[in-house]
Amino acid sequence: MFKNKKITKKESEYKMLDKQLNTMLTSIGNNTIQNEVTSMGIVQRNNELFQAGNFKYNNDSIYSMLGIKAPNQILTETRGFDSVDRINMERKRLVDRIILPLANFKNLVESDKEKQTKLEKKKTKEKNKSKPEPDHTIKKSDEKIRANAIRTTANRVLYPSLFIMALDKSNYKFDKKVVRINLFCLKNEIVKSIFGLDNDNLKKATDSKVYFVECNFTLLEKLTQKYMFKIEVNRNITSTEEAEDLEATTEGVTSGEYTPEKAEKMMKSICSQLTYLDDNNGLDAILKVENHIRTLTNYGVTLEEIVETARKQSKGGVVKDLYGSWVVDNATSVELKGNTIDELKGSFNKQFKIAV
């Protein structure tokens, strides 16, 4: 008689796997990589147009918009950008007036005059609701997703394109999915920071005057940021990107459906963020959060109902206020004005006549 074959743990786990789900998720990863390859292709095409004198639209070009006369002046100009706002402003100008029109996407250029007011957005939304087409909403959503993707990519490729344009032609080579950069044309601290290599050691190890390293698009972005902007502005760029990521995450979380599990995770995240602010002396921000808590409607009403019961049962003998888990006498409770620690200190000193 045949005995039943014993199934191994690995075979058991394999049977639980869903091949179709794995294929779809793998496709998402591959599509992301392909988008990076395409972005590199756009950088290459921008450079080809620039070298041929065709990276311009109407009377707008890199030269006229940056006020320069030669490619090697691009670096001098961008290192003069002294703030993240200036970097973003110049990027928007160049994208709106060269890249998008040149690619026949002038319709994606949004001027301040074209931006809808809240009332206009409301009217547009109501008008769209009245449209009988059942697939109108999904079409509109697809159009917005497509437009945002194009706009985002145009923004991402702008400065990497300028970086390549600023280099001598002998210091870079496009090769299929990547661009190869000569490390010896870069400062050693940049090479160490981005590639983890040391130019001095590389020069000792080779007799060549060049040393090319492959960069995918993401690596090129990082290199561009280090090369084209001042150190202090670089730090601000990183901080701004982190803040934008946090803002996007917060918007996504607060727009979805409420669940107790979600509330628990949000609470832990908020506590961690407050601890971070405290550790880094972001005290004004903490005070603003604390003041904001006092303006919350449902939370405030609930706390008031708790102490109101005590007032009624004691016939006004017990008059207390609740601030979180703290109980204070209503008679001595004072609200001070102040949205910063300095303002709060000033209000406190004035209220209690503290000599300073």
Protein backbone atom coordinates (compact mmCIF):
# COMPACT_ATOMS: atom_id res chain seq x y z
CA MET A 1 0.00 0.00 0.00
CA PHE A 2 1.08 3.59 -0.74
CA LYS A 3 1.54 5.89 2.18
CA ASN A 4 0.28 9.47 1.98
CA LYS A 5 3.10 11.78 0.98
CA LYS A 6 3.94 14.24 3.75
CA ILE A 7 3.50 17.86 2.63
CA THR A 8 6.36 20.11 3.65
CA LYS A 9 5.81 23.51 5.27
CA LYS A 10 7.17 25.23 2.15
CA GLU A 11 4.76 23.34 -0.10
CA SER A 12 1.89 24.15 2.26
CA GLU A 13 2.71 27.86 2.17
CA TYR A 14 3.00 27.78 -1.63
CA LYS A 15 -0.53 26.37 -1.93
CA MET A 16 -1.86 29.36 0.03
CA LEU A 17 -0.28 31.87 -2.38
CA ASP A 18 -2.41 33.58 -5.01
CA LYS A 19 -0.53 33.70 -8.30
CA GLN A 20 -2.90 36.22 -9.92
CA LEU A 21 -2.56 38.66 -7.01
CA ASN A 22 1.23 38.30 -7.13
CA THR A 23 1.22 38.99 -10.89
CA MET A 24 -0.85 42.16 -10.52
CA LEU A 25 1.27 43.57 -7.68
CA THR A 26 4.44 42.69 -9.59
CA SER A 27 2.99 44.61 -12.53
CA ILE A 28 2.57 47.69 -10.32
CA GLY A 29 6.25 47.52 -9.36
CA ASN A 30 7.33 47.02 -12.96
CA ASN A 31 5.18 49.94 -14.13
CA THR A 32 6.85 52.18 -11.54
CA ILE A 33 10.28 51.19 -12.83
CA GLN A 34 9.11 51.80 -16.40
CA ASN A 35 7.92 55.30 -15.42
CA GLU A 36 11.42 56.00 -14.10
CA VAL A 37 12.89 54.80 -17.42
CA THR A 38 10.45 57.02 -19.32
CA SER A 39 11.39 60.00 -17.12
CA MET A 40 15.04 59.41 -17.98
CA GLY A 41 14.02 59.31 -21.64
CA ILE A 42 12.38 62.72 -21.24
CA VAL A 43 15.59 64.11 -19.71
CA GLN A 44 17.53 62.74 -22.68
CA ARG A 45 15.07 64.23 -25.18
CA ASN A 46 15.13 67.62 -23.42
CA ASN A 47 18.92 67.59 -23.69
CA GLU A 48 18.83 66.62 -27.38
CA LEU A 49 16.48 69.52 -28.09
CA PHE A 50 18.69 71.87 -26.07
CA GLN A 51 21.86 70.83 -27.88
CA ALA A 52 20.09 71.39 -31.21
CA GLY A 53 18.89 74.84 -30.09
CA ASN A 54 15.25 73.72 -30.05
CA PHE A 55 14.48 73.54 -26.31
CA LYS A 56 12.32 76.64 -26.47
CA TYR A 57 8.78 77.75 -27.16
CA ASN A 58 8.00 81.01 -28.92
CA ASN A 59 10.42 83.52 -27.35
CA ASP A 60 11.03 81.53 -24.16
CA SER A 61 14.23 79.50 -23.72
CA ILE A 62 16.55 78.45 -20.90
CA TYR A 63 18.82 81.36 -21.84
CA SER A 64 16.14 84.05 -21.85
CA MET A 65 14.27 82.81 -18.77
CA LEU A 66 17.35 82.30 -16.59
CA GLY A 67 19.12 85.37 -17.97
CA ILE A 68 22.23 83.44 -19.05
CA LYS A 69 24.33 83.26 -22.21
CA ALA A 70 26.01 79.84 -21.94
CA PRO A 71 25.18 76.37 -20.52
CA ASN A 72 27.94 76.56 -17.90
CA GLN A 73 26.12 79.55 -16.36
CA ILE A 74 23.11 77.38 -15.43
CA LEU A 75 24.84 76.17 -12.25
CA THR A 76 25.77 79.71 -11.17
CA GLU A 77 22.15 80.76 -11.60
CA THR A 78 20.53 77.84 -9.73
CA ARG A 79 22.98 78.10 -6.83
CA GLY A 80 21.79 81.66 -6.48
CA PHE A 81 18.27 80.43 -5.65
CA ASP A 82 18.20 81.19 -1.92
CA SER A 83 14.96 79.49 -0.91
CA VAL A 84 12.74 76.52 -1.71
CA ASP A 85 10.02 78.94 -2.82
CA ARG A 86 12.38 80.45 -5.41
CA ILE A 87 13.36 76.97 -6.67
CA ASN A 88 9.71 75.98 -7.02
CA MET A 89 8.77 79.28 -8.66
CA GLU A 90 11.52 79.02 -11.30
CA ARG A 91 10.62 75.39 -11.96
CA LYS A 92 6.97 76.32 -12.50
CA ARG A 93 7.95 79.10 -14.93
CA LEU A 94 10.15 76.83 -17.02
CA VAL A 95 7.69 73.93 -17.00
CA ASP A 96 4.72 76.15 -17.87
CA ARG A 97 6.44 78.13 -20.60
CA ILE A 98 8.74 75.56 -22.21
CA ILE A 99 8.21 71.87 -21.35
CA LEU A 100 4.40 71.64 -21.33
CA PRO A 101 3.79 73.82 -24.43
CA LEU A 102 6.63 72.08 -26.29
CA ALA A 103 5.00 68.69 -25.57
CA ASN A 104 1.59 70.02 -26.69
CA PHE A 105 0.22 70.10 -23.14
CA LYS A 106 -0.40 73.83 -22.91
CA ASN A 107 -3.86 72.98 -21.58
CA LEU A 108 -2.19 71.81 -18.35
CA VAL A 109 -0.69 75.23 -17.68
CA GLU A 110 -2.77 76.75 -14.89
CA SER A 111 -2.55 80.49 -14.38
CA ASP A 112 -3.73 82.23 -11.21
CA LYS A 113 -6.59 83.78 -13.17
CA GLU A 114 -7.80 80.36 -14.27
CA LYS A 115 -7.92 78.94 -10.74
CA GLN A 116 -11.51 78.45 -9.60
CA THR A 117 -12.87 80.04 -6.45
CA LYS A 118 -14.67 77.82 -3.92
CA LEU A 119 -18.02 79.11 -5.24
CA GLU A 120 -17.04 78.33 -8.84
CA LYS A 121 -15.90 74.84 -7.82
CA LYS A 122 -19.25 74.29 -6.07
CA LYS A 123 -21.20 75.42 -9.15
CA THR A 124 -19.09 73.17 -11.39
CA LYS A 125 -19.67 70.24 -9.06
CA GLU A 126 -23.44 70.84 -9.04
CA LYS A 127 -23.44 71.18 -12.84
CA ASN A 128 -21.55 67.89 -13.19
CA LYS A 129 -24.05 66.15 -10.92
CA SER A 130 -26.84 67.12 -13.30
CA LYS A 131 -25.11 65.49 -16.27
CA PRO A 132 -26.86 62.26 -17.28
CA GLU A 133 -23.76 60.34 -18.43
CA PRO A 134 -23.22 57.45 -15.95
CA ASP A 135 -19.50 57.29 -16.71
CA HIS A 136 -18.90 61.05 -16.44
CA THR A 137 -17.40 60.87 -12.92
CA ILE A 138 -14.91 58.14 -13.74
CA LYS A 139 -13.90 59.90 -16.97
CA LYS A 140 -13.30 63.10 -15.02
CA SER A 141 -11.30 61.21 -12.43
CA ASP A 142 -9.18 59.52 -15.10
CA GLU A 143 -8.51 62.87 -16.78
CA LYS A 144 -7.39 64.38 -13.48
CA ILE A 145 -5.13 61.43 -12.66
CA ARG A 146 -3.57 61.60 -16.12
CA ALA A 147 -3.08 65.38 -15.96
CA ASN A 148 -1.54 65.21 -12.46
CA ALA A 149 0.86 62.46 -13.57
CA ILE A 150 2.00 64.48 -16.60
CA ARG A 151 2.39 67.65 -14.57
CA THR A 152 4.28 65.87 -11.76
CA THR A 153 6.65 64.21 -14.23
CA ALA A 154 7.29 67.52 -16.02
CA ASN A 155 8.21 69.05 -12.67
CA ARG A 156 10.49 66.14 -11.72
CA VAL A 157 12.47 66.14 -14.97
CA LEU A 158 13.09 69.89 -15.13
CA TYR A 159 16.13 70.26 -12.87
CA PRO A 160 17.74 66.91 -13.82
CA SER A 161 17.48 68.13 -17.42
CA LEU A 162 19.20 71.41 -16.49
CA PHE A 163 21.88 69.46 -14.65
CA ILE A 164 22.75 67.47 -17.79
CA MET A 165 22.61 70.60 -19.94
CA ALA A 166 25.10 72.31 -17.61
CA LEU A 167 27.67 69.50 -17.92
CA ASP A 168 30.32 69.27 -20.60
CA LYS A 169 29.29 66.66 -23.19
CA SER A 170 32.34 64.57 -22.31
CA ASN A 171 31.08 64.07 -18.74
CA TYR A 172 27.85 62.17 -19.44
CA LYS A 173 26.55 59.39 -21.70
CA PHE A 174 22.97 58.24 -22.07
CA ASP A 175 22.79 54.45 -22.25
CA LYS A 176 19.34 52.88 -22.68
CA LYS A 177 17.65 53.13 -19.26
CA VAL A 178 20.36 55.12 -17.47
CA VAL A 179 22.76 58.02 -17.81
CA ARG A 180 26.44 57.50 -17.06
CA ILE A 181 28.10 60.37 -15.17
CA ASN A 182 31.83 61.05 -14.88
CA LEU A 183 32.43 61.27 -11.12
CA PHE A 184 35.70 63.15 -11.60
CA CYS A 185 33.78 66.24 -12.73
CA LEU A 186 31.95 66.36 -9.37
CA LYS A 187 33.10 67.56 -5.96
CA ASN A 188 34.28 64.73 -3.74
CA GLU A 189 31.74 65.44 -0.98
CA ILE A 190 28.92 65.05 -3.51
CA VAL A 191 30.38 61.77 -4.79
CA LYS A 192 30.69 60.45 -1.22
CA SER A 193 27.15 61.54 -0.32
CA ILE A 194 25.36 60.13 -3.37
CA PHE A 195 27.49 57.17 -4.47
CA GLY A 196 29.41 56.24 -1.31
CA LEU A 197 32.68 56.46 -3.28
CA ASP A 198 35.83 58.54 -2.85
CA ASN A 199 37.27 60.36 -5.87
CA ASP A 200 40.76 60.41 -4.34
CA ASN A 201 40.77 56.63 -3.97
CA LEU A 202 39.31 56.16 -7.45
CA LYS A 203 42.01 58.34 -9.02
CA LYS A 204 44.72 56.29 -7.30
CA ALA A 205 43.15 53.05 -8.52
CA THR A 206 42.92 54.09 -12.18
CA ASP A 207 45.13 55.88 -14.69
CA SER A 208 42.08 57.23 -16.52
CA LYS A 209 40.98 60.85 -16.30
CA VAL A 210 37.33 59.77 -16.22
CA TYR A 211 35.29 57.39 -14.09
CA PHE A 212 31.71 56.82 -15.23
CA VAL A 213 28.96 55.54 -12.92
CA GLU A 214 25.43 54.62 -14.01
CA CYS A 215 22.49 56.63 -12.62
CA ASN A 216 18.83 55.72 -12.87
CA PHE A 217 16.34 58.60 -12.72
CA THR A 218 15.90 58.62 -8.93
CA LEU A 219 19.67 58.69 -8.41
CA LEU A 220 19.95 61.48 -10.99
CA GLU A 221 17.36 63.48 -9.05
CA LYS A 222 19.37 63.16 -5.84
CA LEU A 223 22.59 64.09 -7.62
CA THR A 224 20.91 67.11 -9.23
CA GLN A 225 19.69 68.39 -5.87
CA LYS A 226 23.16 68.14 -4.31
CA TYR A 227 24.94 69.62 -7.33
CA MET A 228 22.69 72.51 -8.30
CA PHE A 229 21.61 74.06 -5.01
CA LYS A 230 23.28 75.35 -1.86
CA ILE A 231 23.62 73.04 1.15
CA GLU A 232 21.19 75.01 3.32
CA VAL A 233 18.59 75.12 0.54
CA ASN A 234 19.04 71.36 0.06
CA ARG A 235 18.13 70.81 3.69
CA ASN A 236 15.03 72.99 3.25
CA ILE A 237 14.03 71.02 0.13
CA THR A 238 14.19 67.78 2.12
CA SER A 239 12.18 69.30 4.98
CA THR A 240 9.60 70.68 2.55
CA GLU A 241 9.24 67.32 0.78
CA GLU A 242 8.76 65.57 4.15
CA ALA A 243 6.14 68.17 5.15
CA GLU A 244 4.31 67.74 1.82
CA ASP A 245 4.34 63.96 2.25
CA LEU A 246 2.93 64.34 5.76
CA GLU A 247 0.25 66.76 4.51
CA ALA A 248 -0.75 64.37 1.71
CA THR A 249 -0.90 61.45 4.16
CA THR A 250 -3.01 63.47 6.62
CA GLU A 251 -5.42 64.53 3.87
CA GLY A 252 -5.84 60.92 2.76
CA VAL A 253 -6.46 59.66 6.30
CA THR A 254 -8.95 62.39 7.29
CA SER A 255 -10.99 62.09 4.09
CA GLY A 256 -11.73 58.37 4.49
CA GLU A 257 -14.30 56.52 6.56
CA TYR A 258 -13.99 56.66 10.36
CA THR A 259 -13.29 53.46 12.32
CA PRO A 260 -12.14 52.92 15.92
CA GLU A 261 -9.03 51.12 14.63
CA LYS A 262 -8.20 54.09 12.42
CA ALA A 263 -8.72 56.47 15.36
CA GLU A 264 -6.29 54.44 17.49
CA LYS A 265 -3.60 54.61 14.81
CA MET A 266 -4.17 58.35 14.28
CA MET A 267 -3.89 58.93 18.03
CA LYS A 268 -0.55 57.11 18.21
CA SER A 269 0.70 59.07 15.20
CA ILE A 270 -0.37 62.39 16.73
CA CYS A 271 1.30 61.50 20.05
CA SER A 272 4.52 60.60 18.23
CA GLN A 273 4.43 63.88 16.32
CA LEU A 274 3.87 65.87 19.52
CA THR A 275 6.79 64.08 21.18
CA TYR A 276 8.92 64.95 18.14
CA LEU A 277 7.93 68.61 18.47
CA ASP A 278 8.73 68.56 22.19
CA ASP A 279 12.12 66.89 21.65
CA ASN A 280 12.98 69.57 19.09
CA ASN A 281 11.56 72.50 21.10
CA GLY A 282 8.68 73.09 18.68
CA LEU A 283 6.79 74.52 21.65
CA ASP A 284 4.75 77.11 19.72
CA ALA A 285 3.35 74.33 17.55
CA ILE A 286 2.38 72.28 20.63
CA LEU A 287 0.61 75.30 22.14
CA LYS A 288 -1.35 75.81 18.92
CA VAL A 289 -2.46 72.17 19.07
CA GLU A 290 -3.51 72.59 22.70
CA ASN A 291 -5.45 75.76 21.85
CA HIS A 292 -7.09 74.00 18.92
CA ILE A 293 -8.33 71.24 21.20
CA ARG A 294 -10.29 73.89 23.15
CA THR A 295 -12.17 74.80 19.95
CA LEU A 296 -13.34 71.26 19.14
CA THR A 297 -17.15 71.12 19.19
CA ASN A 298 -18.12 67.55 20.12
CA TYR A 299 -15.20 67.09 22.51
CA GLY A 300 -15.92 70.40 24.25
CA VAL A 301 -19.66 69.72 24.58
CA THR A 302 -19.00 66.25 26.04
CA LEU A 303 -16.64 67.63 28.73
CA GLU A 304 -19.16 70.37 29.52
CA GLU A 305 -21.94 67.80 29.99
CA ILE A 306 -19.79 65.91 32.51
CA VAL A 307 -19.28 68.93 34.78
CA GLU A 308 -22.84 70.24 34.21
CA THR A 309 -24.24 67.22 36.03
CA ALA A 310 -22.16 68.11 39.10
CA ARG A 311 -23.38 71.73 38.94
CA LYS A 312 -27.04 70.68 38.82
CA GLN A 313 -26.87 68.04 41.57
CA SER A 314 -24.96 70.38 43.91
CA LYS A 315 -27.26 73.27 42.97
CA GLY A 316 -24.29 75.33 41.90
CA GLY A 317 -22.12 74.34 44.84
CA VAL A 318 -19.65 72.41 42.69
CA VAL A 319 -18.57 74.52 39.72
CA LYS A 320 -15.66 72.92 37.93
CA ASP A 321 -14.07 72.92 34.49
CA LEU A 322 -12.50 69.92 32.78
CA TYR A 323 -9.32 70.27 30.71
CA GLY A 324 -8.65 66.75 29.51
CA SER A 325 -8.17 64.74 32.73
CA TRP A 326 -7.53 67.86 34.83
CA VAL A 327 -10.22 69.45 37.00
CA VAL A 328 -10.00 73.14 37.92
CA ASP A 329 -12.27 75.55 39.78
CA ASN A 330 -14.39 77.54 37.38
CA ALA A 331 -14.12 80.64 39.54
CA THR A 332 -10.35 80.76 39.21
CA SER A 333 -10.14 79.45 35.66
CA VAL A 334 -8.74 82.12 33.34
CA GLU A 335 -8.35 82.00 29.56
CA LEU A 336 -5.15 83.66 28.38
CA LYS A 337 -4.60 84.86 24.84
CA GLY A 338 -1.53 83.52 23.09
CA ASN A 339 -0.68 81.32 20.14
CA THR A 340 3.06 81.29 20.86
CA ILE A 341 5.00 80.70 24.08
CA ASP A 342 6.17 84.34 24.12
CA GLU A 343 2.59 85.59 23.73
CA LEU A 344 1.38 83.20 26.43
CA LYS A 345 4.14 84.31 28.80
CA GLY A 346 3.27 87.95 28.16
CA SER A 347 -0.44 87.34 28.82
CA PHE A 348 0.36 85.39 32.00
CA ASN A 349 2.65 88.10 33.34
CA LYS A 350 0.06 90.77 32.59
CA GLN A 351 -2.83 88.80 34.13
CA PHE A 352 -1.01 88.09 37.38
CA LYS A 353 1.06 91.27 37.44
CA ILE A 354 4.42 89.52 37.27
CA ALA A 355 7.39 91.88 37.35
CA VAL A 356 9.74 91.48 34.40
